[in-house]
PDB file of N, CA and C in Angstrom:
ATOM      1  N   MET A   1     -11.589   7.184 -11.259  1.00  0.00           N
ATOM      2  CA  MET A   1     -10.417   7.854 -10.743  1.00  0.00           C
ATOM      3  C   MET A   1      -9.415   6.814 -10.234  1.00  0.00           C
ATOM      4  N   THR A   2      -8.164   7.079 -10.504  1.00  0.00           N
ATOM      5  CA  THR A   2      -7.071   6.200 -10.089  1.00  0.00           C
ATOM      6  C   THR A   2      -6.236   6.921  -9.039  1.00  0.00           C
ATOM      7  N   THR A   3      -5.844   6.182  -8.013  1.00  0.00           N
ATOM      8  CA  THR A   3      -4.988   6.726  -6.954  1.00  0.00           C
ATOM      9  C   THR A   3      -3.827   5.777  -6.750  1.00  0.00           C
ATOM     10  N   ILE A   4      -2.663   6.338  -6.520  1.00  0.00           N
ATOM     11  CA  ILE A   4      -1.499   5.523  -6.164  1.00  0.00           C
ATOM     12  C   ILE A   4      -0.999   5.981  -4.802  1.00  0.00           C
ATOM     13  N   TYR A   5      -0.863   5.018  -3.887  1.00  0.00           N
ATOM     14  CA  TYR A   5      -0.201   5.262  -2.608  1.00  0.00           C
ATOM     15  C   TYR A   5       1.281   5.150  -2.924  1.00  0.00           C
ATOM     16  N   HIS A   6       1.956   6.278  -2.897  1.00  0.00           N
ATOM     17  CA  HIS A   6       3.288   6.392  -3.476  1.00  0.00           C
ATOM     18  C   HIS A   6       4.317   6.838  -2.446  1.00  0.00           C
ATOM     19  N   ASN A   7       5.492   6.241  -2.559  1.00  0.00           N
ATOM     20  CA  ASN A   7       6.661   6.671  -1.803  1.00  0.00           C
ATOM     21  C   ASN A   7       7.753   6.932  -2.836  1.00  0.00           C
ATOM     22  N   PRO A   8       8.073   8.191  -3.123  1.00  0.00           N
ATOM     23  CA  PRO A   8       9.046   8.491  -4.165  1.00  0.00           C
ATOM     24  C   PRO A   8      10.445   7.937  -3.903  1.00  0.00           C
ATOM     25  N   ARG A   9      10.732   7.530  -2.687  1.00  0.00           N
ATOM     26  CA  ARG A   9      12.045   6.949  -2.375  1.00  0.00           C
ATOM     27  C   ARG A   9      12.114   5.469  -2.713  1.00  0.00           C
ATOM     28  N   CYS A  10      10.975   4.866  -3.051  1.00  0.00           N
ATOM     29  CA  CYS A  10      10.896   3.431  -3.335  1.00  0.00           C
ATOM     30  C   CYS A  10      10.974   3.190  -4.841  1.00  0.00           C
ATOM     31  N   SER A  11      11.907   2.359  -5.273  1.00  0.00           N
ATOM     32  CA  SER A  11      12.072   2.106  -6.703  1.00  0.00           C
ATOM     33  C   SER A  11      10.833   1.449  -7.316  1.00  0.00           C
ATOM     34  N   LYS A  12      10.207   0.524  -6.613  1.00  0.00           N
ATOM     35  CA  LYS A  12       9.001  -0.133  -7.144  1.00  0.00           C
ATOM     36  C   LYS A  12       7.860   0.865  -7.284  1.00  0.00           C
ATOM     37  N   SER A  13       7.773   1.797  -6.364  1.00  0.00           N
ATOM     38  CA  SER A  13       6.746   2.824  -6.429  1.00  0.00           C
ATOM     39  C   SER A  13       6.998   3.742  -7.627  1.00  0.00           C
ATOM     40  N   ARG A  14       8.252   4.144  -7.820  1.00  0.00           N
ATOM     41  CA  ARG A  14       8.592   4.987  -8.969  1.00  0.00           C
ATOM     42  C   ARG A  14       8.327   4.248 -10.272  1.00  0.00           C
ATOM     43  N   GLU A  15       8.692   2.958 -10.338  1.00  0.00           N
ATOM     44  CA  GLU A  15       8.459   2.161 -11.546  1.00  0.00           C
ATOM     45  C   GLU A  15       6.970   2.029 -11.837  1.00  0.00           C
ATOM     46  N   THR A  16       6.169   1.843 -10.803  1.00  0.00           N
ATOM     47  CA  THR A  16       4.726   1.694 -10.985  1.00  0.00           C
ATOM     48  C   THR A  16       4.122   2.995 -11.492  1.00  0.00           C
ATOM     49  N   LEU A  17       4.509   4.108 -10.926  1.00  0.00           N
ATOM     50  CA  LEU A  17       4.002   5.401 -11.377  1.00  0.00           C
ATOM     51  C   LEU A  17       4.387   5.644 -12.834  1.00  0.00           C
ATOM     52  N   LYS A  18       5.619   5.331 -13.180  1.00  0.00           N
ATOM     53  CA  LYS A  18       6.083   5.493 -14.563  1.00  0.00           C
ATOM     54  C   LYS A  18       5.267   4.606 -15.508  1.00  0.00           C
ATOM     55  N   LEU A  19       4.994   3.391 -15.100  1.00  0.00           N
ATOM     56  CA  LEU A  19       4.208   2.466 -15.906  1.00  0.00           C
ATOM     57  C   LEU A  19       2.790   3.010 -16.145  1.00  0.00           C
ATOM     58  N   LEU A  20       2.193   3.557 -15.116  1.00  0.00           N
ATOM     59  CA  LEU A  20       0.869   4.163 -15.276  1.00  0.00           C
ATOM     60  C   LEU A  20       0.935   5.301 -16.292  1.00  0.00           C
ATOM     61  N   GLU A  21       1.937   6.154 -16.143  1.00  0.00           N
ATOM     62  CA  GLU A  21       2.087   7.291 -17.065  1.00  0.00           C
ATOM     63  C   GLU A  21       2.300   6.813 -18.491  1.00  0.00           C
ATOM     64  N   GLU A  22       3.129   5.784 -18.685  1.00  0.00           N
ATOM     65  CA  GLU A  22       3.391   5.245 -20.021  1.00  0.00           C
ATOM     66  C   GLU A  22       2.135   4.660 -20.660  1.00  0.00           C
ATOM     67  N   ASN A  23       1.178   4.254 -19.834  1.00  0.00           N
ATOM     68  CA  ASN A  23      -0.080   3.697 -20.331  1.00  0.00           C
ATOM     69  C   ASN A  23      -1.205   4.734 -20.314  1.00  0.00           C
ATOM     70  N   ASN A  24      -0.815   6.024 -20.234  1.00  0.00           N
ATOM     71  CA  ASN A  24      -1.770   7.134 -20.251  1.00  0.00           C
ATOM     72  C   ASN A  24      -2.840   7.020 -19.172  1.00  0.00           C
ATOM     73  N   ILE A  25      -2.433   6.537 -18.011  1.00  0.00           N
ATOM     74  CA  ILE A  25      -3.335   6.433 -16.863  1.00  0.00           C
ATOM     75  C   ILE A  25      -2.942   7.523 -15.880  1.00  0.00           C
ATOM     76  N   HIS A  26      -3.816   8.512 -15.750  1.00  0.00           N
ATOM     77  CA  HIS A  26      -3.556   9.596 -14.805  1.00  0.00           C
ATOM     78  C   HIS A  26      -3.944   9.122 -13.408  1.00  0.00           C
ATOM     79  N   ALA A  27      -3.017   9.257 -12.492  1.00  0.00           N
ATOM     80  CA  ALA A  27      -3.283   8.827 -11.113  1.00  0.00           C
ATOM     81  C   ALA A  27      -3.098   9.992 -10.155  1.00  0.00           C
ATOM     82  N   ASN A  28      -4.003  10.093  -9.204  1.00  0.00           N
ATOM     83  CA  ASN A  28      -3.801  11.004  -8.082  1.00  0.00           C
ATOM     84  C   ASN A  28      -2.738  10.377  -7.206  1.00  0.00           C
ATOM     85  N   ILE A  29      -1.725  11.132  -6.903  1.00  0.00           N
ATOM     86  CA  ILE A  29      -0.611  10.616  -6.106  1.00  0.00           C
ATOM     87  C   ILE A  29      -0.854  10.945  -4.639  1.00  0.00           C
ATOM     88  N   ARG A  30      -0.907   9.907  -3.846  1.00  0.00           N
ATOM     89  CA  ARG A  30      -1.051  10.097  -2.406  1.00  0.00           C
ATOM     90  C   ARG A  30       0.258   9.714  -1.731  1.00  0.00           C
ATOM     91  N   LEU A  31       0.923  10.694  -1.192  1.00  0.00           N
ATOM     92  CA  LEU A  31       2.170  10.460  -0.467  1.00  0.00           C
ATOM     93  C   LEU A  31       1.789   9.995   0.931  1.00  0.00           C
ATOM     94  N   TYR A  32       1.543   8.707   1.041  1.00  0.00           N
ATOM     95  CA  TYR A  32       0.933   8.147   2.247  1.00  0.00           C
ATOM     96  C   TYR A  32       1.809   8.254   3.494  1.00  0.00           C
ATOM     97  N   LEU A  33       3.096   8.490   3.320  1.00  0.00           N
ATOM     98  CA  LEU A  33       3.944   8.688   4.502  1.00  0.00           C
ATOM     99  C   LEU A  33       3.662  10.043   5.142  1.00  0.00           C
ATOM    100  N   GLU A  34       3.226  11.002   4.317  1.00  0.00           N
ATOM    101  CA  GLU A  34       2.879  12.338   4.816  1.00  0.00           C
ATOM    102  C   GLU A  34       1.380  12.455   5.078  1.00  0.00           C
ATOM    103  N   ASP A  35       0.591  11.820   4.233  1.00  0.00           N
ATOM    104  CA  ASP A  35      -0.868  11.854   4.322  1.00  0.00           C
ATOM    105  C   ASP A  35      -1.339  10.449   4.716  1.00  0.00           C
ATOM    106  N   THR A  36      -1.139  10.133   5.977  1.00  0.00           N
ATOM    107  CA  THR A  36      -1.403   8.794   6.492  1.00  0.00           C
ATOM    108  C   THR A  36      -2.881   8.431   6.365  1.00  0.00           C
ATOM    109  N   PRO A  37      -3.166   7.233   5.868  1.00  0.00           N
ATOM    110  CA  PRO A  37      -4.575   6.827   5.795  1.00  0.00           C
ATOM    111  C   PRO A  37      -5.183   6.664   7.191  1.00  0.00           C
ATOM    112  N   SER A  38      -6.483   6.933   7.264  1.00  0.00           N
ATOM    113  CA  SER A  38      -7.208   6.718   8.511  1.00  0.00           C
ATOM    114  C   SER A  38      -7.451   5.217   8.682  1.00  0.00           C
ATOM    115  N   LYS A  39      -7.945   4.862   9.835  1.00  0.00           N
ATOM    116  CA  LYS A  39      -8.264   3.446  10.079  1.00  0.00           C
ATOM    117  C   LYS A  39      -9.320   2.974   9.083  1.00  0.00           C
ATOM    118  N   ASP A  40     -10.341   3.778   8.836  1.00  0.00           N
ATOM    119  CA  ASP A  40     -11.375   3.390   7.872  1.00  0.00           C
ATOM    120  C   ASP A  40     -10.790   3.223   6.469  1.00  0.00           C
ATOM    121  N   GLU A  41      -9.903   4.120   6.091  1.00  0.00           N
ATOM    122  CA  GLU A  41      -9.270   4.010   4.766  1.00  0.00           C
ATOM    123  C   GLU A  41      -8.418   2.742   4.681  1.00  0.00           C
ATOM    124  N   LEU A  42      -7.707   2.453   5.745  1.00  0.00           N
ATOM    125  CA  LEU A  42      -6.882   1.246   5.768  1.00  0.00           C
ATOM    126  C   LEU A  42      -7.747  -0.006   5.673  1.00  0.00           C
ATOM    127  N   LEU A  43      -8.862  -0.026   6.390  1.00  0.00           N
ATOM    128  CA  LEU A  43      -9.783  -1.170   6.313  1.00  0.00           C
ATOM    129  C   LEU A  43     -10.374  -1.302   4.911  1.00  0.00           C
ATOM    130  N   THR A  44     -10.691  -0.184   4.277  1.00  0.00           N
ATOM    131  CA  THR A  44     -11.200  -0.213   2.906  1.00  0.00           C
ATOM    132  C   THR A  44     -10.134  -0.757   1.964  1.00  0.00           C
ATOM    133  N   LEU A  45      -8.905  -0.303   2.137  1.00  0.00           N
ATOM    134  CA  LEU A  45      -7.793  -0.814   1.312  1.00  0.00           C
ATOM    135  C   LEU A  45      -7.653  -2.320   1.461  1.00  0.00           C
ATOM    136  N   LEU A  46      -7.693  -2.791   2.681  1.00  0.00           N
ATOM    137  CA  LEU A  46      -7.581  -4.236   2.923  1.00  0.00           C
ATOM    138  C   LEU A  46      -8.693  -4.989   2.211  1.00  0.00           C
ATOM    139  N   ASP A  47      -9.898  -4.447   2.247  1.00  0.00           N
ATOM    140  CA  ASP A  47     -11.027  -5.071   1.563  1.00  0.00           C
ATOM    141  C   ASP A  47     -10.815  -5.051   0.049  1.00  0.00           C
ATOM    142  N   GLN A  48     -10.383  -3.913  -0.481  1.00  0.00           N
ATOM    143  CA  GLN A  48     -10.153  -3.804  -1.924  1.00  0.00           C
ATOM    144  C   GLN A  48      -9.044  -4.730  -2.394  1.00  0.00           C
ATOM    145  N   LEU A  49      -8.032  -4.892  -1.565  1.00  0.00           N
ATOM    146  CA  LEU A  49      -6.900  -5.762  -1.897  1.00  0.00           C
ATOM    147  C   LEU A  49      -7.194  -7.234  -1.608  1.00  0.00           C
ATOM    148  N   LYS A  50      -8.215  -7.464  -0.786  1.00  0.00           N
ATOM    149  CA  LYS A  50      -8.549  -8.819  -0.337  1.00  0.00           C
ATOM    150  C   LYS A  50      -7.365  -9.430   0.422  1.00  0.00           C
ATOM    151  N   LEU A  51      -6.836  -8.612   1.341  1.00  0.00           N
ATOM    152  CA  LEU A  51      -5.688  -9.026   2.151  1.00  0.00           C
ATOM    153  C   LEU A  51      -6.012  -8.870   3.631  1.00  0.00           C
ATOM    154  N   THR A  52      -5.229  -9.556   4.448  1.00  0.00           N
ATOM    155  CA  THR A  52      -5.289  -9.378   5.893  1.00  0.00           C
ATOM    156  C   THR A  52      -4.230  -8.337   6.282  1.00  0.00           C
ATOM    157  N   PRO A  53      -4.321  -7.764   7.470  1.00  0.00           N
ATOM    158  CA  PRO A  53      -3.324  -6.770   7.875  1.00  0.00           C
ATOM    159  C   PRO A  53      -1.879  -7.265   7.754  1.00  0.00           C
ATOM    160  N   ILE A  54      -1.612  -8.479   8.152  1.00  0.00           N
ATOM    161  CA  ILE A  54      -0.228  -8.974   8.069  1.00  0.00           C
ATOM    162  C   ILE A  54       0.262  -9.034   6.618  1.00  0.00           C
ATOM    163  N   GLU A  55      -0.654  -9.298   5.693  1.00  0.00           N
ATOM    164  CA  GLU A  55      -0.272  -9.383   4.281  1.00  0.00           C
ATOM    165  C   GLU A  55       0.014  -8.016   3.671  1.00  0.00           C
ATOM    166  N   LEU A  56      -0.456  -6.958   4.320  1.00  0.00           N
ATOM    167  CA  LEU A  56      -0.216  -5.602   3.835  1.00  0.00           C
ATOM    168  C   LEU A  56       1.019  -4.976   4.478  1.00  0.00           C
ATOM    169  N   MET A  57       1.611  -5.669   5.425  1.00  0.00           N
ATOM    170  CA  MET A  57       2.737  -5.106   6.173  1.00  0.00           C
ATOM    171  C   MET A  57       4.091  -5.476   5.593  1.00  0.00           C
ATOM    172  N   ARG A  58       4.997  -4.543   5.738  1.00  0.00           N
ATOM    173  CA  ARG A  58       6.393  -4.768   5.365  1.00  0.00           C
ATOM    174  C   ARG A  58       7.084  -5.395   6.586  1.00  0.00           C
ATOM    175  N   THR A  59       6.965  -6.707   6.692  1.00  0.00           N
ATOM    176  CA  THR A  59       7.444  -7.418   7.883  1.00  0.00           C
ATOM    177  C   THR A  59       8.965  -7.503   7.965  1.00  0.00           C
ATOM    178  N   LYS A  60       9.652  -7.146   6.880  1.00  0.00           N
ATOM    179  CA  LYS A  60      11.122  -7.195   6.912  1.00  0.00           C
ATOM    180  C   LYS A  60      11.725  -5.865   7.350  1.00  0.00           C
ATOM    181  N   GLU A  61      10.871  -4.867   7.543  1.00  0.00           N
ATOM    182  CA  GLU A  61      11.354  -3.574   8.053  1.00  0.00           C
ATOM    183  C   GLU A  61      11.874  -3.760   9.473  1.00  0.00           C
ATOM    184  N   THR A  62      12.966  -3.104   9.789  1.00  0.00           N
ATOM    185  CA  THR A  62      13.519  -3.144  11.146  1.00  0.00           C
ATOM    186  C   THR A  62      12.477  -2.678  12.154  1.00  0.00           C
ATOM    187  N   LEU A  63      11.706  -1.690  11.776  1.00  0.00           N
ATOM    188  CA  LEU A  63      10.670  -1.149  12.653  1.00  0.00           C
ATOM    189  C   LEU A  63       9.664  -2.215  13.083  1.00  0.00           C
ATOM    190  N   TYR A  64       9.351  -3.139  12.189  1.00  0.00           N
ATOM    191  CA  TYR A  64       8.419  -4.223  12.507  1.00  0.00           C
ATOM    192  C   TYR A  64       8.929  -5.005  13.724  1.00  0.00           C
ATOM    193  N   LYS A  65      10.203  -5.321  13.704  1.00  0.00           N
ATOM    194  CA  LYS A  65      10.811  -6.060  14.819  1.00  0.00           C
ATOM    195  C   LYS A  65      10.950  -5.182  16.060  1.00  0.00           C
ATOM    196  N   GLU A  66      11.298  -3.925  15.852  1.00  0.00           N
ATOM    197  CA  GLU A  66      11.441  -3.010  16.981  1.00  0.00           C
ATOM    198  C   GLU A  66      10.130  -2.843  17.749  1.00  0.00           C
ATOM    199  N   LEU A  67       9.015  -2.915  17.019  1.00  0.00           N
ATOM    200  CA  LEU A  67       7.702  -2.791  17.656  1.00  0.00           C
ATOM    201  C   LEU A  67       7.239  -4.105  18.286  1.00  0.00           C
ATOM    202  N   LYS A  68       8.109  -5.119  18.170  1.00  0.00           N
ATOM    203  CA  LYS A  68       7.838  -6.452  18.737  1.00  0.00           C
ATOM    204  C   LYS A  68       6.578  -7.094  18.131  1.00  0.00           C
ATOM    205  N   LEU A  69       6.367  -6.790  16.836  1.00  0.00           N
ATOM    206  CA  LEU A  69       5.281  -7.448  16.112  1.00  0.00           C
ATOM    207  C   LEU A  69       5.769  -8.815  15.658  1.00  0.00           C
ATOM    208  N   ASN A  70       4.869  -9.782  15.646  1.00  0.00           N
ATOM    209  CA  ASN A  70       5.232 -11.131  15.230  1.00  0.00           C
ATOM    210  C   ASN A  70       3.973 -11.894  14.836  1.00  0.00           C
ATOM    211  N   LYS A  71       4.098 -13.197  14.630  1.00  0.00           N
ATOM    212  CA  LYS A  71       2.965 -14.024  14.207  1.00  0.00           C
ATOM    213  C   LYS A  71       1.838 -14.024  15.228  1.00  0.00           C
ATOM    214  N   GLU A  72       2.165 -13.803  16.481  1.00  0.00           N
ATOM    215  CA  GLU A  72       1.149 -13.821  17.537  1.00  0.00           C
ATOM    216  C   GLU A  72       0.403 -12.486  17.657  1.00  0.00           C
ATOM    217  N   SER A  73       0.912 -11.436  17.010  1.00  0.00           N
ATOM    218  CA  SER A  73       0.233 -10.139  17.064  1.00  0.00           C
ATOM    219  C   SER A  73      -1.143 -10.269  16.421  1.00  0.00           C
ATOM    220  N   ASN A  74      -2.111  -9.530  16.959  1.00  0.00           N
ATOM    221  CA  ASN A  74      -3.450  -9.613  16.371  1.00  0.00           C
ATOM    222  C   ASN A  74      -3.646  -8.498  15.337  1.00  0.00           C
ATOM    223  N   ASP A  75      -4.756  -8.585  14.600  1.00  0.00           N
ATOM    224  CA  ASP A  75      -5.009  -7.629  13.521  1.00  0.00           C
ATOM    225  C   ASP A  75      -5.107  -6.196  14.016  1.00  0.00           C
ATOM    226  N   GLU A  76      -5.698  -5.993  15.187  1.00  0.00           N
ATOM    227  CA  GLU A  76      -5.803  -4.637  15.738  1.00  0.00           C
ATOM    228  C   GLU A  76      -4.421  -4.043  16.007  1.00  0.00           C
ATOM    229  N   GLU A  77      -3.525  -4.857  16.558  1.00  0.00           N
ATOM    230  CA  GLU A  77      -2.159  -4.384  16.813  1.00  0.00           C
ATOM    231  C   GLU A  77      -1.460  -4.036  15.505  1.00  0.00           C
ATOM    232  N   ARG A  78      -1.667  -4.853  14.496  1.00  0.00           N
ATOM    233  CA  ARG A  78      -1.043  -4.599  13.190  1.00  0.00           C
ATOM    234  C   ARG A  78      -1.612  -3.341  12.548  1.00  0.00           C
ATOM    235  N   LEU A  79      -2.940  -3.190  12.593  1.00  0.00           N
ATOM    236  CA  LEU A  79      -3.568  -1.988  12.043  1.00  0.00           C
ATOM    237  C   LEU A  79      -3.044  -0.738  12.738  1.00  0.00           C
ATOM    238  N   GLN A  80      -2.983  -0.780  14.057  1.00  0.00           N
ATOM    239  CA  GLN A  80      -2.501   0.384  14.805  1.00  0.00           C
ATOM    240  C   GLN A  80      -1.048   0.686  14.452  1.00  0.00           C
ATOM    241  N   ALA A  81      -0.246  -0.334  14.276  1.00  0.00           N
ATOM    242  CA  ALA A  81       1.155  -0.123  13.902  1.00  0.00           C
ATOM    243  C   ALA A  81       1.255   0.568  12.538  1.00  0.00           C
ATOM    244  N   MET A  82       0.414   0.160  11.579  1.00  0.00           N
ATOM    245  CA  MET A  82       0.441   0.799  10.258  1.00  0.00           C
ATOM    246  C   MET A  82      -0.071   2.238  10.326  1.00  0.00           C
ATOM    247  N   LEU A  83      -1.044   2.493  11.196  1.00  0.00           N
ATOM    248  CA  LEU A  83      -1.552   3.856  11.361  1.00  0.00           C
ATOM    249  C   LEU A  83      -0.496   4.753  12.002  1.00  0.00           C
ATOM    250  N   ASP A  84       0.197   4.220  13.002  1.00  0.00           N
ATOM    251  CA  ASP A  84       1.225   4.986  13.705  1.00  0.00           C
ATOM    252  C   ASP A  84       2.512   5.106  12.896  1.00  0.00           C
ATOM    253  N   HIS A  85       2.767   4.107  12.058  1.00  0.00           N
ATOM    254  CA  HIS A  85       4.021   4.036  11.302  1.00  0.00           C
ATOM    255  C   HIS A  85       3.709   3.612   9.868  1.00  0.00           C
ATOM    256  N   PRO A  86       3.240   4.531   9.011  1.00  0.00           N
ATOM    257  CA  PRO A  86       2.838   4.151   7.652  1.00  0.00           C
ATOM    258  C   PRO A  86       3.965   3.544   6.823  1.00  0.00           C
ATOM    259  N   LYS A  87       5.190   3.690   7.277  1.00  0.00           N
ATOM    260  CA  LYS A  87       6.325   3.050   6.612  1.00  0.00           C
ATOM    261  C   LYS A  87       6.123   1.526   6.545  1.00  0.00           C
ATOM    262  N   LEU A  88       5.321   0.990   7.454  1.00  0.00           N
ATOM    263  CA  LEU A  88       5.077  -0.451   7.501  1.00  0.00           C
ATOM    264  C   LEU A  88       4.075  -0.929   6.447  1.00  0.00           C
ATOM    265  N   ILE A  89       3.406   0.011   5.758  1.00  0.00           N
ATOM    266  CA  ILE A  89       2.429  -0.366   4.737  1.00  0.00           C
ATOM    267  C   ILE A  89       3.161  -0.714   3.450  1.00  0.00           C
ATOM    268  N   GLU A  90       2.844  -1.860   2.896  1.00  0.00           N
ATOM    269  CA  GLU A  90       3.450  -2.285   1.630  1.00  0.00           C
ATOM    270  C   GLU A  90       3.129  -1.252   0.563  1.00  0.00           C
ATOM    271  N   ARG A  91       4.008  -1.112  -0.386  1.00  0.00           N
ATOM    272  CA  ARG A  91       3.847  -0.118  -1.438  1.00  0.00           C
ATOM    273  C   ARG A  91       4.394  -0.612  -2.762  1.00  0.00           C
ATOM    274  N   PRO A  92       4.000   0.024  -3.813  1.00  0.00           N
ATOM    275  CA  PRO A  92       2.930   0.990  -3.983  1.00  0.00           C
ATOM    276  C   PRO A  92       1.577   0.280  -4.088  1.00  0.00           C
ATOM    277  N   ILE A  93       0.528   1.009  -3.830  1.00  0.00           N
ATOM    278  CA  ILE A  93      -0.828   0.480  -3.981  1.00  0.00           C
ATOM    279  C   ILE A  93      -1.547   1.363  -4.996  1.00  0.00           C
ATOM    280  N   VAL A  94      -2.150   0.735  -5.993  1.00  0.00           N
ATOM    281  CA  VAL A  94      -2.941   1.471  -6.985  1.00  0.00           C
ATOM    282  C   VAL A  94      -4.398   1.075  -6.795  1.00  0.00           C
ATOM    283  N   ILE A  95      -5.259   2.088  -6.770  1.00  0.00           N
ATOM    284  CA  ILE A  95      -6.694   1.867  -6.593  1.00  0.00           C
ATOM    285  C   ILE A  95      -7.418   2.396  -7.830  1.00  0.00           C
ATOM    286  N   TYR A  96      -8.330   1.570  -8.355  1.00  0.00           N
ATOM    287  CA  TYR A  96      -9.137   1.966  -9.519  1.00  0.00           C
ATOM    288  C   TYR A  96     -10.467   1.222  -9.438  1.00  0.00           C
ATOM    289  N   ASN A  97     -11.562   1.951  -9.575  1.00  0.00           N
ATOM    290  CA  ASN A  97     -12.908   1.343  -9.555  1.00  0.00           C
ATOM    291  C   ASN A  97     -13.136   0.450  -8.344  1.00  0.00           C
ATOM    292  N   ASN A  98     -12.763   0.933  -7.175  1.00  0.00           N
ATOM    293  CA  ASN A  98     -12.963   0.199  -5.920  1.00  0.00           C
ATOM    294  C   ASN A  98     -12.221  -1.131  -5.848  1.00  0.00           C
ATOM    295  N   LYS A  99     -11.213  -1.278  -6.674  1.00  0.00           N
ATOM    296  CA  LYS A  99     -10.317  -2.434  -6.594  1.00  0.00           C
ATOM    297  C   LYS A  99      -8.908  -1.901  -6.422  1.00  0.00           C
ATOM    298  N   ALA A 100      -8.043  -2.710  -5.853  1.00  0.00           N
ATOM    299  CA  ALA A 100      -6.675  -2.264  -5.624  1.00  0.00           C
ATOM    300  C   ALA A 100      -5.695  -3.406  -5.879  1.00  0.00           C
ATOM    301  N   LYS A 101      -4.480  -3.012  -6.215  1.00  0.00           N
ATOM    302  CA  LYS A 101      -3.385  -3.967  -6.420  1.00  0.00           C
ATOM    303  C   LYS A 101      -2.121  -3.348  -5.850  1.00  0.00           C
ATOM    304  N   ILE A 102      -1.276  -4.209  -5.321  1.00  0.00           N
ATOM    305  CA  ILE A 102       0.052  -3.781  -4.897  1.00  0.00           C
ATOM    306  C   ILE A 102       0.971  -3.932  -6.109  1.00  0.00           C
ATOM    307  N   GLY A 103       1.763  -2.932  -6.360  1.00  0.00           N
ATOM    308  CA  GLY A 103       2.656  -2.928  -7.516  1.00  0.00           C
ATOM    309  C   GLY A 103       3.928  -3.718  -7.308  1.00  0.00           C
ATOM    310  N   ARG A 104       3.787  -4.964  -7.007  1.00  0.00           N
ATOM    311  CA  ARG A 104       4.934  -5.885  -6.851  1.00  0.00           C
ATOM    312  C   ARG A 104       4.593  -7.185  -7.547  1.00  0.00           C
ATOM    313  N   PRO A 105       5.014  -7.349  -8.773  1.00  0.00           N
ATOM    314  CA  PRO A 105       5.797  -6.429  -9.599  1.00  0.00           C
ATOM    315  C   PRO A 105       4.920  -5.291 -10.120  1.00  0.00           C
ATOM    316  N   PRO A 106       5.542  -4.196 -10.579  1.00  0.00           N
ATOM    317  CA  PRO A 106       4.770  -3.047 -11.042  1.00  0.00           C
ATOM    318  C   PRO A 106       3.708  -3.397 -12.090  1.00  0.00           C
ATOM    319  N   GLU A 107       4.006  -4.323 -12.983  1.00  0.00           N
ATOM    320  CA  GLU A 107       3.082  -4.681 -14.068  1.00  0.00           C
ATOM    321  C   GLU A 107       1.761  -5.240 -13.551  1.00  0.00           C
ATOM    322  N   SER A 108       1.739  -5.749 -12.342  1.00  0.00           N
ATOM    323  CA  SER A 108       0.519  -6.361 -11.820  1.00  0.00           C
ATOM    324  C   SER A 108      -0.620  -5.349 -11.690  1.00  0.00           C
ATOM    325  N   VAL A 109      -0.308  -4.059 -11.541  1.00  0.00           N
ATOM    326  CA  VAL A 109      -1.367  -3.067 -11.386  1.00  0.00           C
ATOM    327  C   VAL A 109      -2.172  -2.885 -12.669  1.00  0.00           C
ATOM    328  N   LEU A 110      -1.602  -3.240 -13.800  1.00  0.00           N
ATOM    329  CA  LEU A 110      -2.310  -3.071 -15.070  1.00  0.00           C
ATOM    330  C   LEU A 110      -3.536  -3.968 -15.158  1.00  0.00           C
ATOM    331  N   GLU A 111      -3.578  -5.021 -14.352  1.00  0.00           N
ATOM    332  CA  GLU A 111      -4.742  -5.911 -14.325  1.00  0.00           C
ATOM    333  C   GLU A 111      -6.006  -5.149 -13.906  1.00  0.00           C
ATOM    334  N   LEU A 112      -5.853  -4.077 -13.163  1.00  0.00           N
ATOM    335  CA  LEU A 112      -7.004  -3.267 -12.736  1.00  0.00           C
ATOM    336  C   LEU A 112      -7.725  -2.614 -13.905  1.00  0.00           C
ATOM    337  N   PHE A 113      -7.020  -2.405 -15.005  1.00  0.00           N
ATOM    338  CA  PHE A 113      -7.551  -1.633 -16.119  1.00  0.00           C
ATOM    339  C   PHE A 113      -8.019  -2.496 -17.289  1.00  0.00           C
ATOM    340  N   LYS A 114      -8.082  -3.791 -17.087  1.00  0.00           N
ATOM    341  CA  LYS A 114      -8.540  -4.703 -18.145  1.00  0.00           C
ATOM    342  C   LYS A 114     -10.026  -4.818 -18.160  1.00  0.00           C
TER     343      LYS A 114
END
């Protein structure tokens, strides 16, 4: 089963979803801004992506600065910020066979299906 953490307002997310469809890959669409991942789901995503919390965050978002997050913030603070404000989670994320890729660029997600 394939899942995409999708934000329809994001061009990269739309491009990634279109790319999956063009390659006949059916994905369950998770609108993560409405259906926020739990802490356990977020930790699983980080493991699947092989990333740290800071690497999964959209650090250029104004909200990141408003929350006074910075290099000195710890992983727990970053995780809580993403749970409270899923807008801070990088997107799109495609999950397949317990592996995940961020669709930046969108073509990178196709590596999951090789």
